[in-house]
Amino acid sequence: MRTLAMLAAAQAARQIRDDLTLLQIFDLIVAIAKINENSGYLRPLFETVLDGLHRPTT
C-alpha cells in the first residue's frame, strides 16, 4: 500500500511520530469528521491533531 510506505518514510525521516499506526491516524481523522459542527469549530481540532502527529522534539 502506497500510503503505508509514505507513512513509514515520514516516520523514518523523523517527521511523524513513530508510535502511531496508519489505522490510528485514520481513526483520528474519522472521529473529527463525525463531529457535526461548522468548519470554524472543526478547524482548530483538526489542526491540533495534525500538530500532534509531528514527532516531539527532545
C-alpha atoms as a PDB file:
ATOM      1  CA  MET A   1       0.000   0.000   0.000  1.00  0.00           C
ATOM      2  CA  ARG A   2       1.493   3.301  -1.084  1.00  0.00           C
ATOM      3  CA  THR A   3       0.033   5.234   1.849  1.00  0.00           C
ATOM      4  CA  LEU A   4       1.683   2.876   4.309  1.00  0.00           C
ATOM      5  CA  ALA A   5       5.026   3.323   2.545  1.00  0.00           C
ATOM      6  CA  MET A   6       4.640   7.100   2.728  1.00  0.00           C
ATOM      7  CA  LEU A   7       3.915   6.911   6.455  1.00  0.00           C
ATOM      8  CA  ALA A   8       6.925   4.645   7.011  1.00  0.00           C
ATOM      9  CA  ALA A   9       9.147   7.061   5.078  1.00  0.00           C
ATOM     10  CA  ALA A  10       7.902  10.037   7.099  1.00  0.00           C
ATOM     11  CA  GLN A  11       8.455   8.123  10.327  1.00  0.00           C
ATOM     12  CA  ALA A  12      11.957   7.075   9.240  1.00  0.00           C
ATOM     13  CA  ALA A  13      12.722  10.709   8.426  1.00  0.00           C
ATOM     14  CA  ARG A  14      11.567  11.572  11.955  1.00  0.00           C
ATOM     15  CA  GLN A  15       8.835  13.868  10.620  1.00  0.00           C
ATOM     16  CA  ILE A  16       5.894  11.946  12.071  1.00  0.00           C
ATOM     17  CA  ARG A  17       5.570  10.140  15.376  1.00  0.00           C
ATOM     18  CA  ASP A  18       6.564   6.522  15.145  1.00  0.00           C
ATOM     19  CA  ASP A  19       4.235   5.309  17.887  1.00  0.00           C
ATOM     20  CA  LEU A  20       1.096   5.640  15.743  1.00  0.00           C
ATOM     21  CA  THR A  21      -0.133   3.238  13.103  1.00  0.00           C
ATOM     22  CA  LEU A  22      -1.854   4.243   9.887  1.00  0.00           C
ATOM     23  CA  LEU A  23      -5.123   2.884  11.270  1.00  0.00           C
ATOM     24  CA  GLN A  24      -4.810   5.077  14.372  1.00  0.00           C
ATOM     25  CA  ILE A  25      -4.234   8.148  12.205  1.00  0.00           C
ATOM     26  CA  PHE A  26      -7.261   7.297  10.074  1.00  0.00           C
ATOM     27  CA  ASP A  27      -9.329   6.812  13.240  1.00  0.00           C
ATOM     28  CA  LEU A  28      -8.386  10.313  14.415  1.00  0.00           C
ATOM     29  CA  ILE A  29      -9.468  11.817  11.098  1.00  0.00           C
ATOM     30  CA  VAL A  30     -12.726   9.855  11.034  1.00  0.00           C
ATOM     31  CA  ALA A  31     -13.531  10.857  14.615  1.00  0.00           C
ATOM     32  CA  ILE A  32     -13.198  14.529  13.728  1.00  0.00           C
ATOM     33  CA  ALA A  33     -15.195  14.065  10.517  1.00  0.00           C
ATOM     34  CA  LYS A  34     -18.099  12.637  12.544  1.00  0.00           C
ATOM     35  CA  ILE A  35     -18.448  15.819  14.600  1.00  0.00           C
ATOM     36  CA  ASN A  36     -21.458  17.691  13.287  1.00  0.00           C
ATOM     37  CA  GLU A  37     -20.286  21.287  13.598  1.00  0.00           C
ATOM     38  CA  ASN A  38     -19.183  24.076  11.285  1.00  0.00           C
ATOM     39  CA  SER A  39     -15.664  24.473   9.933  1.00  0.00           C
ATOM     40  CA  GLY A  40     -14.864  27.213  12.459  1.00  0.00           C
ATOM     41  CA  TYR A  41     -15.364  24.670  15.222  1.00  0.00           C
ATOM     42  CA  LEU A  42     -13.633  21.779  13.465  1.00  0.00           C
ATOM     43  CA  ARG A  43     -10.570  23.572  12.106  1.00  0.00           C
ATOM     44  CA  PRO A  44      -8.800  24.040  15.476  1.00  0.00           C
ATOM     45  CA  LEU A  45      -9.480  20.398  16.343  1.00  0.00           C
ATOM     46  CA  PHE A  46      -8.035  19.162  13.064  1.00  0.00           C
ATOM     47  CA  GLU A  47      -5.014  21.484  13.351  1.00  0.00           C
ATOM     48  CA  THR A  48      -4.358  20.188  16.870  1.00  0.00           C
ATOM     49  CA  VAL A  49      -4.399  16.598  15.615  1.00  0.00           C
ATOM     50  CA  LEU A  50      -2.015  17.479  12.779  1.00  0.00           C
ATOM     51  CA  ASP A  51       0.326  19.274  15.195  1.00  0.00           C
ATOM     52  CA  GLY A  52       0.248  16.223  17.443  1.00  0.00           C
ATOM     53  CA  LEU A  53       1.369  13.938  14.612  1.00  0.00           C
ATOM     54  CA  HIS A  54       4.720  15.691  14.444  1.00  0.00           C
ATOM     55  CA  ARG A  55       7.472  13.892  16.233  1.00  0.00           C
ATOM     56  CA  PRO A  56       8.176  15.558  19.605  1.00  0.00           C
ATOM     57  CA  THR A  57      11.486  17.346  19.845  1.00  0.00           C
ATOM     58  CA  THR A  58      13.777  16.175  22.607  1.00  0.00           C
END
